[in-house]
Amino acid sequence: VVTKVFPNKIKITVTPAEPMVNFYYAGKNYVISHVGRVMEIERNAADCMEVIGYQPGDNVVVGDYITAANPEQDETIKTISGTIDLVGITEITELNITDMLSIGLVYDDRIEINLGSMLQLEEKLTIVKELAENYISDNEKVTLDVSNPERVVQRPITPLVTSVSTSAPPETTPAEEDAEGGNTQEDNAEVTVE
């Protein structure tokens, strides 16, 4: 910001850019500011929202505005991040735009959100904020499907429990195989187990 201080001075105020978005592509992390400028290209992730599914255009340079290989992705990120700011959500840690009809978000690394498409985006994000701040506890891990804002679905995230069996499965006898449909015998012949 440049302001004139009378009679003959100019005051210049510089506000440093803050990272808004971080995305990983082809072995590099691109850190992008709120206005869409490339702040850094590095191998370490920045402490901001990570975007999955974004493909930058050719010749991305620090200081320039970022452009995607597909311009629709730039508009999508601009719209979503602007709506996130408008609604007042600050805890979005991941945005997945791999499928434009099933856009995904992660809130505070614990709430996985399916937004669906871009339709009714402000309404969907307002619902997410209300649920995350007032109805979902800080230690709860859930999925939210807000693709239809009139019918929001919340499910707990439960870790998969896998059991590993070290013994071989029991062998079946020919009679058991027949009972399970393994062998077919014509004319309902009797099966003799020896």
Protein backbone atom coordinates (compact mmCIF):
# COMPACT_ATOMS: atom_id res chain seq x y z
CA VAL A 1 0.00 0.00 0.00
CA VAL A 2 1.41 3.37 -1.00
CA THR A 3 0.19 6.51 0.75
CA LYS A 4 1.36 10.08 0.38
CA VAL A 5 2.44 11.90 3.53
CA PHE A 6 2.22 15.65 3.00
CA PRO A 7 4.10 17.72 2.02
CA ASN A 8 6.78 15.65 0.25
CA LYS A 9 6.95 12.06 1.56
CA ILE A 10 5.59 8.71 0.47
CA LYS A 11 4.87 5.88 2.89
CA ILE A 12 5.07 2.32 1.53
CA THR A 13 3.58 -0.51 3.59
CA VAL A 14 4.43 -4.04 2.52
CA THR A 15 2.36 -6.95 3.78
CA PRO A 16 4.05 -10.32 3.30
CA ALA A 17 2.07 -12.95 1.46
CA GLU A 18 0.76 -15.93 3.40
CA PRO A 19 0.48 -19.40 1.92
CA MET A 20 -3.07 -20.39 1.03
CA VAL A 21 -2.64 -23.55 -1.01
CA ASN A 22 -0.01 -26.23 -1.36
CA PHE A 23 -0.13 -28.86 -4.07
CA TYR A 24 2.19 -31.65 -5.02
CA TYR A 25 2.90 -32.49 -8.64
CA ALA A 26 5.78 -34.34 -10.34
CA GLY A 27 7.93 -34.49 -7.22
CA LYS A 28 7.55 -30.82 -6.23
CA ASN A 29 5.38 -28.89 -3.77
CA TYR A 30 3.99 -25.62 -5.09
CA VAL A 31 3.09 -23.07 -2.40
CA ILE A 32 0.53 -20.51 -3.60
CA SER A 33 -0.57 -17.23 -1.98
CA HIS A 34 -4.16 -15.95 -1.55
CA VAL A 35 -3.86 -13.97 -4.79
CA GLY A 36 -2.61 -16.97 -6.78
CA ARG A 37 1.11 -16.23 -6.98
CA VAL A 38 3.68 -18.97 -6.66
CA MET A 39 5.55 -18.33 -3.39
CA GLU A 40 7.81 -21.38 -3.42
CA ILE A 41 8.56 -24.51 -5.37
CA GLU A 42 10.19 -27.00 -3.06
CA ARG A 43 10.26 -30.57 -1.89
CA ASN A 44 8.85 -29.85 1.63
CA ALA A 45 5.15 -29.33 2.24
CA ALA A 46 3.95 -25.95 3.48
CA ASP A 47 1.61 -25.50 6.44
CA CYS A 48 -1.54 -24.77 4.45
CA MET A 49 -4.33 -26.51 2.54
CA GLU A 50 -3.03 -29.26 0.27
CA VAL A 51 -4.69 -29.61 -3.14
CA ILE A 52 -4.86 -33.04 -4.73
CA GLY A 53 -5.57 -33.47 -8.43
CA TYR A 54 -4.17 -30.11 -9.57
CA GLN A 55 -1.86 -30.18 -12.57
CA PRO A 56 0.14 -26.98 -13.16
CA GLY A 57 0.85 -25.67 -16.64
CA ASP A 58 4.31 -25.56 -18.13
CA ASN A 59 7.06 -23.16 -16.97
CA VAL A 60 5.81 -22.36 -13.47
CA VAL A 61 8.09 -19.70 -11.93
CA VAL A 62 8.23 -18.33 -8.38
CA GLY A 63 6.57 -14.90 -8.30
CA ASP A 64 4.28 -15.54 -11.27
CA TYR A 65 0.59 -16.34 -11.08
CA ILE A 66 -0.05 -20.07 -11.11
CA THR A 67 -1.90 -21.51 -14.07
CA ALA A 68 -3.16 -25.03 -14.49
CA ALA A 69 -2.84 -27.19 -17.57
CA ASN A 70 -6.67 -27.22 -17.42
CA PRO A 71 -7.94 -23.64 -16.76
CA GLU A 72 -11.12 -25.06 -15.16
CA GLN A 73 -8.97 -26.21 -12.22
CA ASP A 74 -7.78 -22.64 -11.56
CA GLU A 75 -11.36 -21.36 -11.50
CA THR A 76 -12.44 -24.24 -9.25
CA ILE A 77 -9.70 -23.59 -6.68
CA LYS A 78 -10.35 -19.84 -6.77
CA THR A 79 -14.09 -20.38 -6.20
CA ILE A 80 -13.68 -22.97 -3.45
CA SER A 81 -10.96 -21.09 -1.54
CA GLY A 82 -12.94 -17.83 -1.85
CA THR A 83 -16.05 -19.54 -0.49
CA ILE A 84 -14.05 -21.14 2.33
CA ASP A 85 -12.85 -17.64 3.30
CA LEU A 86 -16.36 -16.18 2.94
CA VAL A 87 -17.87 -18.82 5.23
CA GLY A 88 -15.01 -18.39 7.70
CA ILE A 89 -13.55 -21.88 7.78
CA THR A 90 -9.86 -21.90 8.65
CA GLU A 91 -9.21 -25.58 9.32
CA ILE A 92 -9.38 -27.10 5.80
CA THR A 93 -6.24 -29.21 5.43
CA GLU A 94 -6.94 -30.89 2.09
CA LEU A 95 -8.89 -30.23 -1.11
CA ASN A 96 -9.28 -32.99 -3.68
CA ILE A 97 -10.34 -31.90 -7.17
CA THR A 98 -9.47 -35.14 -8.93
CA ASP A 99 -13.16 -35.67 -9.72
CA MET A 100 -15.10 -32.44 -10.30
CA LEU A 101 -18.40 -34.17 -9.49
CA SER A 102 -17.10 -35.53 -6.19
CA ILE A 103 -14.94 -32.75 -4.74
CA GLY A 104 -13.46 -33.70 -1.39
CA LEU A 105 -12.23 -31.73 1.60
CA VAL A 106 -10.56 -32.69 4.85
CA TYR A 107 -11.31 -30.51 7.88
CA ASP A 108 -8.67 -30.43 10.62
CA ASP A 109 -7.24 -33.83 9.49
CA ARG A 110 -10.25 -35.56 11.08
CA ILE A 111 -13.41 -34.86 9.06
CA GLU A 112 -13.52 -36.17 5.48
CA ILE A 113 -16.08 -34.24 3.45
CA ASN A 114 -17.73 -35.08 0.12
CA LEU A 115 -18.98 -31.83 -1.41
CA GLY A 116 -20.17 -33.38 -4.63
CA SER A 117 -20.15 -30.74 -7.37
CA MET A 118 -19.69 -26.97 -7.09
CA LEU A 119 -23.47 -26.39 -6.95
CA GLN A 120 -24.71 -24.77 -3.71
CA LEU A 121 -21.10 -24.49 -2.50
CA GLU A 122 -21.69 -21.73 0.07
CA GLU A 123 -24.64 -23.60 1.57
CA LYS A 124 -22.63 -26.85 1.77
CA LEU A 125 -19.63 -25.18 3.42
CA THR A 126 -21.88 -23.35 5.89
CA ILE A 127 -23.31 -26.74 6.92
CA VAL A 128 -19.78 -28.16 7.27
CA LYS A 129 -18.75 -25.25 9.50
CA GLU A 130 -21.85 -25.56 11.70
CA LEU A 131 -21.43 -29.31 12.16
CA ALA A 132 -17.67 -29.17 12.72
CA GLU A 133 -17.82 -26.36 15.25
CA ASN A 134 -20.98 -27.28 17.15
CA TYR A 135 -21.86 -30.95 16.74
CA ILE A 136 -18.71 -32.99 16.08
CA SER A 137 -16.33 -33.28 19.02
CA ASP A 138 -12.65 -32.40 18.62
CA ASN A 139 -11.53 -36.02 19.00
CA GLU A 140 -14.13 -37.52 16.66
CA LYS A 141 -13.18 -38.75 13.17
CA VAL A 142 -16.10 -38.78 10.74
CA THR A 143 -17.08 -38.54 7.11
CA LEU A 144 -19.66 -36.00 6.00
CA ASP A 145 -21.53 -36.22 2.72
CA VAL A 146 -22.96 -32.79 1.95
CA SER A 147 -23.32 -33.38 -1.79
CA ASN A 148 -27.06 -32.92 -1.20
CA PRO A 149 -27.35 -30.16 1.43
CA GLU A 150 -30.94 -31.16 2.15
CA ARG A 151 -29.83 -34.64 3.24
CA VAL A 152 -26.45 -34.55 4.98
CA VAL A 153 -24.99 -37.90 6.00
CA GLN A 154 -22.45 -38.30 8.83
CA ARG A 155 -20.63 -41.57 9.48
CA PRO A 156 -17.88 -42.42 11.96
CA ILE A 157 -14.49 -43.39 10.59
CA THR A 158 -13.54 -46.69 12.13
CA PRO A 159 -10.13 -48.25 11.69
CA LEU A 160 -10.04 -51.46 9.72
CA VAL A 161 -9.40 -54.48 11.89
CA THR A 162 -7.67 -57.23 10.01
CA SER A 163 -6.92 -60.62 11.42
CA VAL A 164 -4.15 -62.70 9.98
CA SER A 165 -4.59 -66.43 10.11
CA THR A 166 -1.41 -68.48 10.11
CA SER A 167 -3.15 -71.83 9.73
CA ALA A 168 -4.30 -73.24 6.42
CA PRO A 169 -8.03 -73.47 5.77
CA PRO A 170 -9.57 -76.84 6.64
CA GLU A 171 -9.80 -79.34 3.84
CA THR A 172 -13.24 -80.33 2.65
CA THR A 173 -14.39 -83.86 1.98
CA PRO A 174 -16.05 -84.78 -1.31
CA ALA A 175 -19.39 -84.94 0.52
CA GLU A 176 -18.93 -81.39 1.83
CA GLU A 177 -17.95 -80.19 -1.63
CA ASP A 178 -21.13 -81.72 -3.00
CA ALA A 179 -23.18 -80.00 -0.30
CA GLU A 180 -21.53 -76.69 -1.20
CA GLY A 181 -22.10 -77.24 -4.89
CA GLY A 182 -18.48 -78.10 -5.68
CA ASN A 183 -19.24 -81.34 -7.54
CA THR A 184 -22.37 -82.11 -9.45
CA GLN A 185 -23.68 -85.64 -9.70
CA GLU A 186 -26.27 -86.68 -12.21
CA ASP A 187 -29.57 -88.23 -11.19
CA ASN A 188 -29.09 -87.43 -7.46
CA ALA A 189 -26.65 -90.31 -6.99
CA GLU A 190 -25.63 -91.14 -3.47
CA VAL A 191 -22.28 -89.95 -2.20
CA THR A 192 -20.26 -92.36 -0.11
CA VAL A 193 -17.67 -90.98 2.30
CA GLU A 194 -14.87 -93.43 2.96
